[in-house]
């Protein structure tokens, strides 16, 4: 077994109300950043795990997200990276 660090981004699904993202977008506009469109505020997780290889580590974290870490009704997730540690 090898050690891996897996980075995951979880954000609200597109089209769903994201009050925190709206507040950030409005604040950025107030500060003069008019080019900013939508903002989505989510979570970033860094999971240290062991697996036989990077593909197995990613598959395990995908299952974690699907079963617990991300709400499948309101959130999307993406694996941002898998690195050996």
C-alpha atoms as a PDB file:
ATOM      1  CA  UNK A   1       0.000   0.000   0.000  1.00  0.00           C
ATOM      2  CA  UNK A   2       1.172   3.509  -0.847  1.00  0.00           C
ATOM      3  CA  UNK A   3       0.128   6.870   0.597  1.00  0.00           C
ATOM      4  CA  UNK A   4      -1.736   9.396  -1.555  1.00  0.00           C
ATOM      5  CA  UNK A   5      -3.102  12.896  -1.083  1.00  0.00           C
ATOM      6  CA  UNK A   6      -6.338  13.528  -2.964  1.00  0.00           C
ATOM      7  CA  UNK A   7      -7.741  17.035  -3.474  1.00  0.00           C
ATOM      8  CA  UNK A   8     -11.497  17.428  -3.936  1.00  0.00           C
ATOM      9  CA  UNK A   9     -13.586  20.495  -4.801  1.00  0.00           C
ATOM     10  CA  UNK A  10     -17.266  20.480  -3.819  1.00  0.00           C
ATOM     11  CA  UNK A  11     -19.512  23.278  -5.104  1.00  0.00           C
ATOM     12  CA  UNK A  12     -23.249  23.952  -5.281  1.00  0.00           C
ATOM     13  CA  UNK A  13     -24.859  22.628  -8.465  1.00  0.00           C
ATOM     14  CA  UNK A  14     -25.158  25.127 -11.268  1.00  0.00           C
ATOM     15  CA  UNK A  15     -28.584  26.712 -11.320  1.00  0.00           C
ATOM     16  CA  UNK A  16     -29.201  26.282  -7.584  1.00  0.00           C
ATOM     17  CA  UNK A  17     -29.343  29.240  -5.246  1.00  0.00           C
ATOM     18  CA  UNK A  18     -25.913  30.000  -3.770  1.00  0.00           C
ATOM     19  CA  UNK A  19     -26.450  32.926  -1.363  1.00  0.00           C
ATOM     20  CA  UNK A  20     -22.828  32.965  -0.218  1.00  0.00           C
ATOM     21  CA  UNK A  21     -21.580  33.028  -3.808  1.00  0.00           C
ATOM     22  CA  UNK A  22     -24.027  35.843  -4.635  1.00  0.00           C
ATOM     23  CA  UNK A  23     -22.807  37.862  -1.651  1.00  0.00           C
ATOM     24  CA  UNK A  24     -19.169  37.421  -2.738  1.00  0.00           C
ATOM     25  CA  UNK A  25     -20.001  38.404  -6.336  1.00  0.00           C
ATOM     26  CA  UNK A  26     -21.865  41.510  -5.140  1.00  0.00           C
ATOM     27  CA  UNK A  27     -18.962  42.501  -2.867  1.00  0.00           C
ATOM     28  CA  UNK A  28     -16.475  42.087  -5.718  1.00  0.00           C
ATOM     29  CA  UNK A  29     -18.638  44.286  -7.954  1.00  0.00           C
ATOM     30  CA  UNK A  30     -18.754  46.897  -5.188  1.00  0.00           C
ATOM     31  CA  UNK A  31     -14.959  46.833  -5.057  1.00  0.00           C
ATOM     32  CA  UNK A  32     -14.796  47.566  -8.775  1.00  0.00           C
ATOM     33  CA  UNK A  33     -14.316  44.063 -10.186  1.00  0.00           C
ATOM     34  CA  UNK A  34     -17.081  44.426 -12.777  1.00  0.00           C
ATOM     35  CA  UNK A  35     -15.776  41.594 -14.961  1.00  0.00           C
ATOM     36  CA  UNK A  36     -16.723  38.994 -12.318  1.00  0.00           C
ATOM     37  CA  UNK A  37     -19.692  36.870 -13.345  1.00  0.00           C
ATOM     38  CA  UNK A  38     -21.054  34.107 -11.172  1.00  0.00           C
ATOM     39  CA  UNK A  39     -19.236  33.073  -8.027  1.00  0.00           C
ATOM     40  CA  UNK A  40     -19.759  29.687  -6.410  1.00  0.00           C
ATOM     41  CA  UNK A  41     -18.509  29.161  -2.873  1.00  0.00           C
ATOM     42  CA  UNK A  42     -17.792  25.582  -1.970  1.00  0.00           C
ATOM     43  CA  UNK A  43     -15.424  23.405   0.000  1.00  0.00           C
ATOM     44  CA  UNK A  44     -11.952  22.109  -0.685  1.00  0.00           C
ATOM     45  CA  UNK A  45     -10.981  18.832   0.948  1.00  0.00           C
ATOM     46  CA  UNK A  46      -7.547  17.269   1.104  1.00  0.00           C
ATOM     47  CA  UNK A  47      -7.753  13.591   1.973  1.00  0.00           C
ATOM     48  CA  UNK A  48      -4.706  11.521   2.875  1.00  0.00           C
ATOM     49  CA  UNK A  49      -5.336   7.845   2.179  1.00  0.00           C
ATOM     50  CA  UNK A  50      -3.569   4.621   1.325  1.00  0.00           C
ATOM     51  CA  UNK A  51      -4.199   2.510  -1.761  1.00  0.00           C
ATOM     52  CA  UNK A  52      -2.430   0.174  -4.129  1.00  0.00           C
ATOM     53  CA  UNK A  53      -2.125   2.909  -6.795  1.00  0.00           C
ATOM     54  CA  UNK A  54      -3.352   6.395  -7.724  1.00  0.00           C
ATOM     55  CA  UNK A  55      -6.377   5.076  -9.623  1.00  0.00           C
ATOM     56  CA  UNK A  56      -7.525   3.089  -6.591  1.00  0.00           C
ATOM     57  CA  UNK A  57      -7.039   6.129  -4.328  1.00  0.00           C
ATOM     58  CA  UNK A  58      -9.130   8.264  -6.684  1.00  0.00           C
ATOM     59  CA  UNK A  59     -11.856   5.629  -6.921  1.00  0.00           C
ATOM     60  CA  UNK A  60     -12.009   5.357  -3.140  1.00  0.00           C
ATOM     61  CA  UNK A  61     -12.329   9.127  -2.692  1.00  0.00           C
ATOM     62  CA  UNK A  62     -14.990   9.290  -5.431  1.00  0.00           C
ATOM     63  CA  UNK A  63     -17.012   6.754  -3.454  1.00  0.00           C
ATOM     64  CA  UNK A  64     -16.485   8.789  -0.250  1.00  0.00           C
ATOM     65  CA  UNK A  65     -17.845  11.863  -2.028  1.00  0.00           C
ATOM     66  CA  UNK A  66     -20.807  10.025  -3.501  1.00  0.00           C
ATOM     67  CA  UNK A  67     -21.764   8.387  -0.207  1.00  0.00           C
ATOM     68  CA  UNK A  68     -21.006  11.105   2.361  1.00  0.00           C
ATOM     69  CA  UNK A  69     -18.953  14.171   1.493  1.00  0.00           C
ATOM     70  CA  UNK A  70     -21.121  15.733  -1.241  1.00  0.00           C
ATOM     71  CA  UNK A  71     -24.893  15.987  -1.291  1.00  0.00           C
ATOM     72  CA  UNK A  72     -25.830  14.487  -4.684  1.00  0.00           C
ATOM     73  CA  UNK A  73     -29.006  16.560  -4.879  1.00  0.00           C
ATOM     74  CA  UNK A  74     -27.422  19.988  -4.352  1.00  0.00           C
ATOM     75  CA  UNK A  75     -23.669  19.644  -4.936  1.00  0.00           C
ATOM     76  CA  UNK A  76     -21.177  18.583  -7.576  1.00  0.00           C
ATOM     77  CA  UNK A  77     -17.645  17.414  -6.857  1.00  0.00           C
ATOM     78  CA  UNK A  78     -14.473  17.001  -8.832  1.00  0.00           C
ATOM     79  CA  UNK A  79     -11.205  15.305  -8.015  1.00  0.00           C
ATOM     80  CA  UNK A  80      -8.641  18.073  -8.450  1.00  0.00           C
ATOM     81  CA  UNK A  81      -5.560  15.918  -8.089  1.00  0.00           C
ATOM     82  CA  UNK A  82      -4.017  12.735  -6.737  1.00  0.00           C
ATOM     83  CA  UNK A  83      -0.389  12.808  -5.648  1.00  0.00           C
ATOM     84  CA  UNK A  84       1.799  10.205  -3.981  1.00  0.00           C
ATOM     85  CA  UNK A  85       3.084  11.259  -0.587  1.00  0.00           C
END
